[in-house]
Structures are given as C-alpha cells and as structure tokens.
PDB file of N, CA and C in Angstrom:
ATOM      1  N   MET A   1      11.088   9.753   6.499  1.00  0.00           N
ATOM      2  CA  MET A   1      11.481   8.340   6.512  1.00  0.00           C
ATOM      3  C   MET A   1      10.389   7.486   7.170  1.00  0.00           C
ATOM      4  N   MET A   2       9.769   8.014   8.181  1.00  0.00           N
ATOM      5  CA  MET A   2       8.743   7.257   8.871  1.00  0.00           C
ATOM      6  C   MET A   2       7.530   7.032   7.992  1.00  0.00           C
ATOM      7  N   THR A   3       7.150   8.037   7.218  1.00  0.00           N
ATOM      8  CA  THR A   3       5.990   7.868   6.346  1.00  0.00           C
ATOM      9  C   THR A   3       6.275   6.861   5.241  1.00  0.00           C
ATOM     10  N   GLN A   4       7.525   6.800   4.779  1.00  0.00           N
ATOM     11  CA  GLN A   4       7.867   5.823   3.768  1.00  0.00           C
ATOM     12  C   GLN A   4       7.739   4.416   4.310  1.00  0.00           C
ATOM     13  N   ARG A   5       8.177   4.189   5.528  1.00  0.00           N
ATOM     14  CA  ARG A   5       8.044   2.868   6.153  1.00  0.00           C
ATOM     15  C   ARG A   5       6.579   2.495   6.363  1.00  0.00           C
ATOM     16  N   LEU A   6       5.781   3.471   6.730  1.00  0.00           N
ATOM     17  CA  LEU A   6       4.352   3.229   6.906  1.00  0.00           C
ATOM     18  C   LEU A   6       3.693   2.775   5.609  1.00  0.00           C
ATOM     19  N   TRP A   7       3.973   3.484   4.531  1.00  0.00           N
ATOM     20  CA  TRP A   7       3.405   3.123   3.249  1.00  0.00           C
ATOM     21  C   TRP A   7       3.883   1.766   2.764  1.00  0.00           C
ATOM     22  N   LEU A   8       5.168   1.501   2.974  1.00  0.00           N
ATOM     23  CA  LEU A   8       5.685   0.184   2.560  1.00  0.00           C
ATOM     24  C   LEU A   8       5.068  -0.933   3.378  1.00  0.00           C
ATOM     25  N   GLY A   9       4.866  -0.697   4.666  1.00  0.00           N
ATOM     26  CA  GLY A   9       4.210  -1.706   5.503  1.00  0.00           C
ATOM     27  C   GLY A   9       2.791  -1.962   5.049  1.00  0.00           C
ATOM     28  N   LEU A  10       2.073  -0.922   4.714  1.00  0.00           N
ATOM     29  CA  LEU A  10       0.709  -1.114   4.204  1.00  0.00           C
ATOM     30  C   LEU A  10       0.688  -1.835   2.866  1.00  0.00           C
ATOM     31  N   ALA A  11       1.687  -1.555   2.030  1.00  0.00           N
ATOM     32  CA  ALA A  11       1.764  -2.253   0.743  1.00  0.00           C
ATOM     33  C   ALA A  11       1.997  -3.743   0.952  1.00  0.00           C
ATOM     34  N   VAL A  12       2.818  -4.109   1.914  1.00  0.00           N
ATOM     35  CA  VAL A  12       3.056  -5.503   2.209  1.00  0.00           C
ATOM     36  C   VAL A  12       1.795  -6.185   2.736  1.00  0.00           C
ATOM     37  N   VAL A  13       1.073  -5.501   3.609  1.00  0.00           N
ATOM     38  CA  VAL A  13      -0.165  -6.073   4.159  1.00  0.00           C
ATOM     39  C   VAL A  13      -1.209  -6.261   3.058  1.00  0.00           C
ATOM     40  N   TYR A  14      -1.373  -5.263   2.212  1.00  0.00           N
ATOM     41  CA  TYR A  14      -2.345  -5.386   1.123  1.00  0.00           C
ATOM     42  C   TYR A  14      -1.954  -6.457   0.132  1.00  0.00           C
ATOM     43  N   THR A  15      -0.659  -6.605  -0.133  1.00  0.00           N
ATOM     44  CA  THR A  15      -0.194  -7.653  -1.044  1.00  0.00           C
ATOM     45  C   THR A  15      -0.459  -9.029  -0.451  1.00  0.00           C
ATOM     46  N   GLY A  16      -0.179  -9.190   0.828  1.00  0.00           N
ATOM     47  CA  GLY A  16      -0.448 -10.479   1.472  1.00  0.00           C
ATOM     48  C   GLY A  16      -1.918 -10.825   1.469  1.00  0.00           C
ATOM     49  N   THR A  17      -2.757  -9.860   1.720  1.00  0.00           N
ATOM     50  CA  THR A  17      -4.191 -10.084   1.695  1.00  0.00           C
ATOM     51  C   THR A  17      -4.665 -10.449   0.288  1.00  0.00           C
ATOM     52  N   ALA A  18      -4.122  -9.778  -0.708  1.00  0.00           N
ATOM     53  CA  ALA A  18      -4.499 -10.055  -2.089  1.00  0.00           C
ATOM     54  C   ALA A  18      -4.065 -11.449  -2.513  1.00  0.00           C
ATOM     55  N   VAL A  19      -2.909 -11.907  -2.038  1.00  0.00           N
ATOM     56  CA  VAL A  19      -2.456 -13.259  -2.364  1.00  0.00           C
ATOM     57  C   VAL A  19      -3.369 -14.310  -1.737  1.00  0.00           C
ATOM     58  N   VAL A  20      -3.809 -14.073  -0.518  1.00  0.00           N
ATOM     59  CA  VAL A  20      -4.750 -14.992   0.119  1.00  0.00           C
ATOM     60  C   VAL A  20      -6.055 -15.020  -0.662  1.00  0.00           C
ATOM     61  N   GLN A  21      -6.547 -13.881  -1.068  1.00  0.00           N
ATOM     62  CA  GLN A  21      -7.769 -13.814  -1.842  1.00  0.00           C
ATOM     63  C   GLN A  21      -7.598 -14.484  -3.213  1.00  0.00           C
ATOM     64  N   LEU A  22      -6.417 -14.358  -3.784  1.00  0.00           N
ATOM     65  CA  LEU A  22      -6.134 -15.047  -5.051  1.00  0.00           C
ATOM     66  C   LEU A  22      -6.184 -16.553  -4.881  1.00  0.00           C
ATOM     67  N   TYR A  23      -5.648 -17.035  -3.777  1.00  0.00           N
ATOM     68  CA  TYR A  23      -5.721 -18.474  -3.487  1.00  0.00           C
ATOM     69  C   TYR A  23      -7.178 -18.912  -3.368  1.00  0.00           C
ATOM     70  N   LEU A  24      -7.997 -18.120  -2.673  1.00  0.00           N
ATOM     71  CA  LEU A  24      -9.415 -18.468  -2.534  1.00  0.00           C
ATOM     72  C   LEU A  24     -10.098 -18.459  -3.910  1.00  0.00           C
ATOM     73  N   LEU A  25      -9.749 -17.511  -4.749  1.00  0.00           N
ATOM     74  CA  LEU A  25     -10.332 -17.461  -6.089  1.00  0.00           C
ATOM     75  C   LEU A  25      -9.972 -18.710  -6.888  1.00  0.00           C
ATOM     76  N   VAL A  26      -8.729 -19.116  -6.836  1.00  0.00           N
ATOM     77  CA  VAL A  26      -8.292 -20.291  -7.610  1.00  0.00           C
ATOM     78  C   VAL A  26      -8.899 -21.574  -7.043  1.00  0.00           C
ATOM     79  N   SER A  27      -8.942 -21.682  -5.725  1.00  0.00           N
ATOM     80  CA  SER A  27      -9.402 -22.930  -5.134  1.00  0.00           C
ATOM     81  C   SER A  27     -10.920 -23.081  -5.110  1.00  0.00           C
ATOM     82  N   THR A  28     -11.649 -21.984  -4.997  1.00  0.00           N
ATOM     83  CA  THR A  28     -13.111 -22.090  -4.900  1.00  0.00           C
ATOM     84  C   THR A  28     -13.840 -21.522  -6.108  1.00  0.00           C
ATOM     85  N   GLY A  29     -13.215 -20.638  -6.838  1.00  0.00           N
ATOM     86  CA  GLY A  29     -13.862 -20.017  -7.989  1.00  0.00           C
ATOM     87  C   GLY A  29     -14.872 -18.937  -7.595  1.00  0.00           C
ATOM     88  N   ALA A  30     -14.768 -18.433  -6.376  1.00  0.00           N
ATOM     89  CA  ALA A  30     -15.706 -17.409  -5.903  1.00  0.00           C
ATOM     90  C   ALA A  30     -15.401 -16.088  -6.571  1.00  0.00           C
ATOM     91  N   VAL A  31     -16.439 -15.468  -7.125  1.00  0.00           N
ATOM     92  CA  VAL A  31     -16.283 -14.204  -7.810  1.00  0.00           C
ATOM     93  C   VAL A  31     -15.871 -13.090  -6.843  1.00  0.00           C
ATOM     94  N   TRP A  32     -16.390 -13.111  -5.631  1.00  0.00           N
ATOM     95  CA  TRP A  32     -16.070 -12.070  -4.668  1.00  0.00           C
ATOM     96  C   TRP A  32     -14.586 -12.085  -4.331  1.00  0.00           C
ATOM     97  N   ALA A  33     -13.960 -13.253  -4.361  1.00  0.00           N
ATOM     98  CA  ALA A  33     -12.514 -13.345  -4.083  1.00  0.00           C
ATOM     99  C   ALA A  33     -11.742 -12.663  -5.206  1.00  0.00           C
ATOM    100  N   GLY A  34     -12.193 -12.795  -6.420  1.00  0.00           N
ATOM    101  CA  GLY A  34     -11.523 -12.110  -7.532  1.00  0.00           C
ATOM    102  C   GLY A  34     -11.622 -10.606  -7.423  1.00  0.00           C
ATOM    103  N   THR A  35     -12.784 -10.115  -7.007  1.00  0.00           N
ATOM    104  CA  THR A  35     -12.953  -8.680  -6.818  1.00  0.00           C
ATOM    105  C   THR A  35     -12.046  -8.154  -5.706  1.00  0.00           C
ATOM    106  N   LEU A  36     -11.985  -8.904  -4.607  1.00  0.00           N
ATOM    107  CA  LEU A  36     -11.114  -8.466  -3.505  1.00  0.00           C
ATOM    108  C   LEU A  36      -9.640  -8.595  -3.873  1.00  0.00           C
ATOM    109  N   THR A  37      -9.295  -9.564  -4.710  1.00  0.00           N
ATOM    110  CA  THR A  37      -7.919  -9.696  -5.186  1.00  0.00           C
ATOM    111  C   THR A  37      -7.514  -8.459  -5.974  1.00  0.00           C
ATOM    112  N   ALA A  38      -8.371  -8.070  -6.901  1.00  0.00           N
ATOM    113  CA  ALA A  38      -8.059  -6.888  -7.711  1.00  0.00           C
ATOM    114  C   ALA A  38      -7.956  -5.641  -6.850  1.00  0.00           C
ATOM    115  N   ALA A  39      -8.887  -5.479  -5.933  1.00  0.00           N
ATOM    116  CA  ALA A  39      -8.851  -4.307  -5.041  1.00  0.00           C
ATOM    117  C   ALA A  39      -7.602  -4.313  -4.161  1.00  0.00           C
ATOM    118  N   GLY A  40      -7.212  -5.481  -3.693  1.00  0.00           N
ATOM    119  CA  GLY A  40      -6.017  -5.569  -2.867  1.00  0.00           C
ATOM    120  C   GLY A  40      -4.739  -5.208  -3.612  1.00  0.00           C
ATOM    121  N   PHE A  41      -4.630  -5.676  -4.850  1.00  0.00           N
ATOM    122  CA  PHE A  41      -3.445  -5.338  -5.633  1.00  0.00           C
ATOM    123  C   PHE A  41      -3.415  -3.863  -6.019  1.00  0.00           C
ATOM    124  N   VAL A  42      -4.573  -3.275  -6.263  1.00  0.00           N
ATOM    125  CA  VAL A  42      -4.623  -1.836  -6.557  1.00  0.00           C
ATOM    126  C   VAL A  42      -4.196  -1.036  -5.322  1.00  0.00           C
ATOM    127  N   ALA A  43      -4.697  -1.450  -4.142  1.00  0.00           N
ATOM    128  CA  ALA A  43      -4.326  -0.770  -2.917  1.00  0.00           C
ATOM    129  C   ALA A  43      -2.827  -0.918  -2.635  1.00  0.00           C
ATOM    130  N   ALA A  44      -2.293  -2.110  -2.872  1.00  0.00           N
ATOM    131  CA  ALA A  44      -0.866  -2.349  -2.644  1.00  0.00           C
ATOM    132  C   ALA A  44      -0.023  -1.485  -3.588  1.00  0.00           C
ATOM    133  N   PHE A  45      -0.424  -1.410  -4.842  1.00  0.00           N
ATOM    134  CA  PHE A  45       0.308  -0.565  -5.794  1.00  0.00           C
ATOM    135  C   PHE A  45       0.235   0.907  -5.383  1.00  0.00           C
ATOM    136  N   SER A  46      -0.930   1.333  -4.931  1.00  0.00           N
ATOM    137  CA  SER A  46      -1.083   2.741  -4.509  1.00  0.00           C
ATOM    138  C   SER A  46      -0.203   3.045  -3.319  1.00  0.00           C
ATOM    139  N   CYS A  47      -0.132   2.137  -2.353  1.00  0.00           N
ATOM    140  CA  CYS A  47       0.721   2.347  -1.181  1.00  0.00           C
ATOM    141  C   CYS A  47       2.202   2.345  -1.560  1.00  0.00           C
ATOM    142  N   ALA A  48       2.585   1.469  -2.464  1.00  0.00           N
ATOM    143  CA  ALA A  48       3.977   1.434  -2.900  1.00  0.00           C
ATOM    144  C   ALA A  48       4.327   2.738  -3.635  1.00  0.00           C
ATOM    145  N   PHE A  49       3.398   3.230  -4.422  1.00  0.00           N
ATOM    146  CA  PHE A  49       3.628   4.502  -5.118  1.00  0.00           C
ATOM    147  C   PHE A  49       3.747   5.649  -4.110  1.00  0.00           C
ATOM    148  N   ALA A  50       2.920   5.641  -3.088  1.00  0.00           N
ATOM    149  CA  ALA A  50       2.989   6.689  -2.050  1.00  0.00           C
ATOM    150  C   ALA A  50       4.311   6.595  -1.305  1.00  0.00           C
ATOM    151  N   ALA A  51       4.805   5.399  -1.064  1.00  0.00           N
ATOM    152  CA  ALA A  51       6.081   5.236  -0.394  1.00  0.00           C
ATOM    153  C   ALA A  51       7.219   5.755  -1.263  1.00  0.00           C
ATOM    154  N   TRP A  52       7.091   5.561  -2.559  1.00  0.00           N
ATOM    155  CA  TRP A  52       8.116   6.050  -3.482  1.00  0.00           C
ATOM    156  C   TRP A  52       8.114   7.573  -3.521  1.00  0.00           C
ATOM    157  N   LYS A  53       6.940   8.194  -3.408  1.00  0.00           N
ATOM    158  CA  LYS A  53       6.842   9.650  -3.475  1.00  0.00           C
ATOM    159  C   LYS A  53       7.122  10.310  -2.120  1.00  0.00           C
ATOM    160  N   ALA A  54       6.994   9.622  -1.023  1.00  0.00           N
ATOM    161  CA  ALA A  54       7.110  10.220   0.326  1.00  0.00           C
ATOM    162  C   ALA A  54       8.478  10.880   0.568  1.00  0.00           C
ATOM    163  N   PRO A  55       9.592  10.246   0.274  1.00  0.00           N
ATOM    164  CA  PRO A  55      10.864  10.903   0.579  1.00  0.00           C
ATOM    165  C   PRO A  55      11.075  12.181  -0.228  1.00  0.00           C
ATOM    166  N   LYS A  56      10.580  12.224  -1.452  1.00  0.00           N
ATOM    167  CA  LYS A  56      10.761  13.422  -2.281  1.00  0.00           C
ATOM    168  C   LYS A  56      10.041  14.608  -1.670  1.00  0.00           C
ATOM    169  N   GLN A  57       8.874  14.418  -1.112  1.00  0.00           N
ATOM    170  CA  GLN A  57       8.121  15.515  -0.503  1.00  0.00           C
ATOM    171  C   GLN A  57       8.874  16.070   0.706  1.00  0.00           C
ATOM    172  N   GLU A  58       9.486  15.206   1.510  1.00  0.00           N
ATOM    173  CA  GLU A  58      10.215  15.681   2.684  1.00  0.00           C
ATOM    174  C   GLU A  58      11.492  16.402   2.294  1.00  0.00           C
ATOM    175  N   ARG A  59      12.156  15.963   1.199  1.00  0.00           N
ATOM    176  CA  ARG A  59      13.356  16.634   0.761  1.00  0.00           C
ATOM    177  C   ARG A  59      13.047  18.024   0.214  1.00  0.00           C
ATOM    178  N   ASP A  60      11.893  18.191  -0.409  1.00  0.00           N
ATOM    179  CA  ASP A  60      11.537  19.463  -0.989  1.00  0.00           C
ATOM    180  C   ASP A  60      11.106  20.490   0.068  1.00  0.00           C
ATOM    181  N   GLY A  61      10.982  20.066   1.301  1.00  0.00           N
ATOM    182  CA  GLY A  61      10.599  20.972   2.382  1.00  0.00           C
ATOM    183  C   GLY A  61       9.106  21.212   2.463  1.00  0.00           C
ATOM    184  N   THR A  62       8.311  20.325   1.949  1.00  0.00           N
ATOM    185  CA  THR A  62       6.860  20.497   2.018  1.00  0.00           C
ATOM    186  C   THR A  62       6.317  19.746   3.223  1.00  0.00           C
ATOM    187  N   ARG A  63       6.657  20.246   4.393  1.00  0.00           N
ATOM    188  CA  ARG A  63       6.176  19.641   5.632  1.00  0.00           C
ATOM    189  C   ARG A  63       4.948  20.375   6.116  1.00  0.00           C
ATOM    190  N   GLU A  64       4.214  19.731   7.020  1.00  0.00           N
ATOM    191  CA  GLU A  64       3.043  20.375   7.574  1.00  0.00           C
ATOM    192  C   GLU A  64       3.473  21.499   8.543  1.00  0.00           C
ATOM    193  N   VAL A  65       2.622  22.450   8.687  1.00  0.00           N
ATOM    194  CA  VAL A  65       2.898  23.547   9.605  1.00  0.00           C
ATOM    195  C   VAL A  65       2.861  23.006  11.023  1.00  0.00           C
ATOM    196  N   GLY A  66       3.881  23.293  11.775  1.00  0.00           N
ATOM    197  CA  GLY A  66       3.941  22.863  13.166  1.00  0.00           C
ATOM    198  C   GLY A  66       4.558  21.489  13.359  1.00  0.00           C
ATOM    199  N   SER A  67       5.016  20.856  12.288  1.00  0.00           N
ATOM    200  CA  SER A  67       5.632  19.528  12.434  1.00  0.00           C
ATOM    201  C   SER A  67       7.084  19.726  12.876  1.00  0.00           C
ATOM    202  N   PRO A  68       7.548  18.874  13.791  1.00  0.00           N
ATOM    203  CA  PRO A  68       8.928  19.043  14.253  1.00  0.00           C
ATOM    204  C   PRO A  68       9.940  18.659  13.197  1.00  0.00           C
ATOM    205  N   ARG A  69      11.042  19.363  13.180  1.00  0.00           N
ATOM    206  CA  ARG A  69      12.098  19.077  12.224  1.00  0.00           C
ATOM    207  C   ARG A  69      13.015  18.028  12.829  1.00  0.00           C
ATOM    208  N   ARG A  70      13.407  17.094  11.989  1.00  0.00           N
ATOM    209  CA  ARG A  70      14.331  16.027  12.459  1.00  0.00           C
ATOM    210  C   ARG A  70      15.522  15.936  11.561  1.00  0.00           C
TER     211      ARG A  70
END
C-alpha cells in the first residue's frame, strides 16, 4: 500500500510540473518547454502505471527478501 501511494504522489508531482511547462510552452512558444512537457507526461503516466501494478505484486507474495510482513 505504501509503494502505491508513493507512485501516485510522484504521478501527481510530474503531472503538475508538466502542466506548468505546458503553460510556458503556450505563453512563450519555447521549444524546450514542449520537450519538458512531453517528458513530464510520460513520467506521470509511467508512475501511474507503476502505482496500478504495485498492489498486484504485493498480493502475489513477491516481496523482497528480509522485508517485514504487515
């Protein structure tokens, strides 16, 4: 559950950053802002996908060796 929250938090941060970069792209027309916008949305999507997959891995019992059971 904790890893899912971590991934979702990162997805929110990357989405917020991408939205700010999108605003800079629209308002200034800077090419670098468009590149960072695309990278931010890809990172946000990747984190959201990892959050979606995280609970399934814990249910299947694929924990690290030595990790405490909760």
